[in-house]
Amino acid sequence: GIVVPAILLLERRRALGYGASFGVYLSLYGVMRFLTELLRTDTTFRFLGLSRNGWVAIGAVLVGAAVIWWRRGVERPSEQGS
């Protein structure tokens, strides 16, 4: 996949706040999972037209966005010992 190399590139360029890479991964995973769940037809239980897994994917996106927001502007610890 391309997700992990993209996250590593963003971290290297310091485009992400310290610790925000987990939020980016969680959000991207949630989007991909949600799109995959839209293709499934074997789910019997649906709430407002979406399967449970679809709702969990939406939750993952929201939690990931909250982590990114929470970690924005947090500076990286200074590297010591060099």
C-alpha atoms as a PDB file:
ATOM      1  CA  GLY A   1       0.000   0.000   0.000  1.00  0.00           C
ATOM      2  CA  ILE A   2       0.819   3.612  -0.281  1.00  0.00           C
ATOM      3  CA  VAL A   3      -0.540   4.735   3.086  1.00  0.00           C
ATOM      4  CA  VAL A   4       2.496   3.947   5.239  1.00  0.00           C
ATOM      5  CA  PRO A   5       5.075   5.473   2.838  1.00  0.00           C
ATOM      6  CA  ALA A   6       2.900   8.607   2.591  1.00  0.00           C
ATOM      7  CA  ILE A   7       2.714   8.906   6.384  1.00  0.00           C
ATOM      8  CA  LEU A   8       6.475   8.402   6.698  1.00  0.00           C
ATOM      9  CA  LEU A   9       7.092  11.084   4.065  1.00  0.00           C
ATOM     10  CA  LEU A  10       4.819  13.523   5.909  1.00  0.00           C
ATOM     11  CA  GLU A  11       6.646  12.773   9.161  1.00  0.00           C
ATOM     12  CA  ARG A  12      10.035  13.270   7.561  1.00  0.00           C
ATOM     13  CA  ARG A  13       8.958  16.643   6.174  1.00  0.00           C
ATOM     14  CA  ARG A  14       7.544  17.484   9.612  1.00  0.00           C
ATOM     15  CA  ALA A  15       4.149  18.241   8.094  1.00  0.00           C
ATOM     16  CA  LEU A  16       2.465  16.361  10.937  1.00  0.00           C
ATOM     17  CA  GLY A  17       2.414  17.316  14.583  1.00  0.00           C
ATOM     18  CA  TYR A  18       4.298  14.994  16.888  1.00  0.00           C
ATOM     19  CA  GLY A  19       2.219  11.833  17.343  1.00  0.00           C
ATOM     20  CA  ALA A  20      -0.327  12.689  14.625  1.00  0.00           C
ATOM     21  CA  SER A  21       0.738   9.870  12.305  1.00  0.00           C
ATOM     22  CA  PHE A  22      -1.508   7.434  14.191  1.00  0.00           C
ATOM     23  CA  GLY A  23      -4.464   9.734  13.569  1.00  0.00           C
ATOM     24  CA  VAL A  24      -3.646   9.930   9.860  1.00  0.00           C
ATOM     25  CA  TYR A  25      -3.398   6.146   9.642  1.00  0.00           C
ATOM     26  CA  LEU A  26      -6.658   5.659  11.526  1.00  0.00           C
ATOM     27  CA  SER A  27      -8.487   8.155   9.307  1.00  0.00           C
ATOM     28  CA  LEU A  28      -7.182   6.644   6.078  1.00  0.00           C
ATOM     29  CA  TYR A  29      -7.986   3.137   7.295  1.00  0.00           C
ATOM     30  CA  GLY A  30     -11.515   4.231   8.170  1.00  0.00           C
ATOM     31  CA  VAL A  31     -12.071   5.775   4.736  1.00  0.00           C
ATOM     32  CA  MET A  32     -10.825   2.672   2.940  1.00  0.00           C
ATOM     33  CA  ARG A  33     -12.868   0.380   5.191  1.00  0.00           C
ATOM     34  CA  PHE A  34     -15.995   2.487   4.699  1.00  0.00           C
ATOM     35  CA  LEU A  35     -15.642   2.357   0.909  1.00  0.00           C
ATOM     36  CA  THR A  36     -15.112  -1.404   1.073  1.00  0.00           C
ATOM     37  CA  GLU A  37     -18.194  -1.855   3.254  1.00  0.00           C
ATOM     38  CA  LEU A  38     -20.327   0.006   0.709  1.00  0.00           C
ATOM     39  CA  LEU A  39     -19.545  -2.757  -1.794  1.00  0.00           C
ATOM     40  CA  ARG A  40     -20.670  -5.577   0.488  1.00  0.00           C
ATOM     41  CA  THR A  41     -24.141  -7.000   0.033  1.00  0.00           C
ATOM     42  CA  ASP A  42     -24.078  -9.866   2.543  1.00  0.00           C
ATOM     43  CA  THR A  43     -24.737  -7.772   5.654  1.00  0.00           C
ATOM     44  CA  THR A  44     -28.134  -8.494   7.206  1.00  0.00           C
ATOM     45  CA  PHE A  45     -28.196  -5.842   9.930  1.00  0.00           C
ATOM     46  CA  ARG A  46     -28.254  -2.254   8.722  1.00  0.00           C
ATOM     47  CA  PHE A  47     -28.908   0.972  10.600  1.00  0.00           C
ATOM     48  CA  LEU A  48     -29.792   4.018   8.514  1.00  0.00           C
ATOM     49  CA  GLY A  49     -28.626   2.119   5.452  1.00  0.00           C
ATOM     50  CA  LEU A  50     -25.136   1.300   6.754  1.00  0.00           C
ATOM     51  CA  SER A  51     -23.738  -1.894   8.231  1.00  0.00           C
ATOM     52  CA  ARG A  52     -22.177  -2.013  11.686  1.00  0.00           C
ATOM     53  CA  ASN A  53     -18.759  -2.129  10.078  1.00  0.00           C
ATOM     54  CA  GLY A  54     -19.601   1.026   8.131  1.00  0.00           C
ATOM     55  CA  TRP A  55     -20.468   2.813  11.364  1.00  0.00           C
ATOM     56  CA  VAL A  56     -17.232   1.587  12.972  1.00  0.00           C
ATOM     57  CA  ALA A  57     -15.288   2.906   9.964  1.00  0.00           C
ATOM     58  CA  ILE A  58     -16.956   6.311  10.374  1.00  0.00           C
ATOM     59  CA  GLY A  59     -15.984   6.206  14.047  1.00  0.00           C
ATOM     60  CA  ALA A  60     -12.367   5.418  13.097  1.00  0.00           C
ATOM     61  CA  VAL A  61     -12.274   8.448  10.796  1.00  0.00           C
ATOM     62  CA  LEU A  62     -13.684  10.688  13.526  1.00  0.00           C
ATOM     63  CA  VAL A  63     -11.275   9.388  16.182  1.00  0.00           C
ATOM     64  CA  GLY A  64      -8.365   9.748  13.749  1.00  0.00           C
ATOM     65  CA  ALA A  65      -9.387  13.341  12.983  1.00  0.00           C
ATOM     66  CA  ALA A  66      -9.629  14.055  16.721  1.00  0.00           C
ATOM     67  CA  VAL A  67      -6.106  12.662  17.274  1.00  0.00           C
ATOM     68  CA  ILE A  68      -4.742  14.819  14.444  1.00  0.00           C
ATOM     69  CA  TRP A  69      -6.492  17.888  15.851  1.00  0.00           C
ATOM     70  CA  TRP A  70      -5.322  17.134  19.383  1.00  0.00           C
ATOM     71  CA  ARG A  71      -1.702  16.608  18.307  1.00  0.00           C
ATOM     72  CA  ARG A  72      -1.524  19.599  15.944  1.00  0.00           C
ATOM     73  CA  GLY A  73       1.169  22.036  16.845  1.00  0.00           C
ATOM     74  CA  VAL A  74       2.780  19.690  19.368  1.00  0.00           C
ATOM     75  CA  GLU A  75       6.503  20.046  18.958  1.00  0.00           C
ATOM     76  CA  ARG A  76       8.803  17.106  18.704  1.00  0.00           C
ATOM     77  CA  PRO A  77      11.013  16.439  21.727  1.00  0.00           C
ATOM     78  CA  SER A  78      14.521  17.761  21.234  1.00  0.00           C
ATOM     79  CA  GLU A  79      17.069  15.167  20.274  1.00  0.00           C
ATOM     80  CA  GLN A  80      19.597  14.826  23.054  1.00  0.00           C
ATOM     81  CA  GLY A  81      22.867  13.007  23.300  1.00  0.00           C
ATOM     82  CA  SER A  82      24.467  14.045  19.992  1.00  0.00           C
END
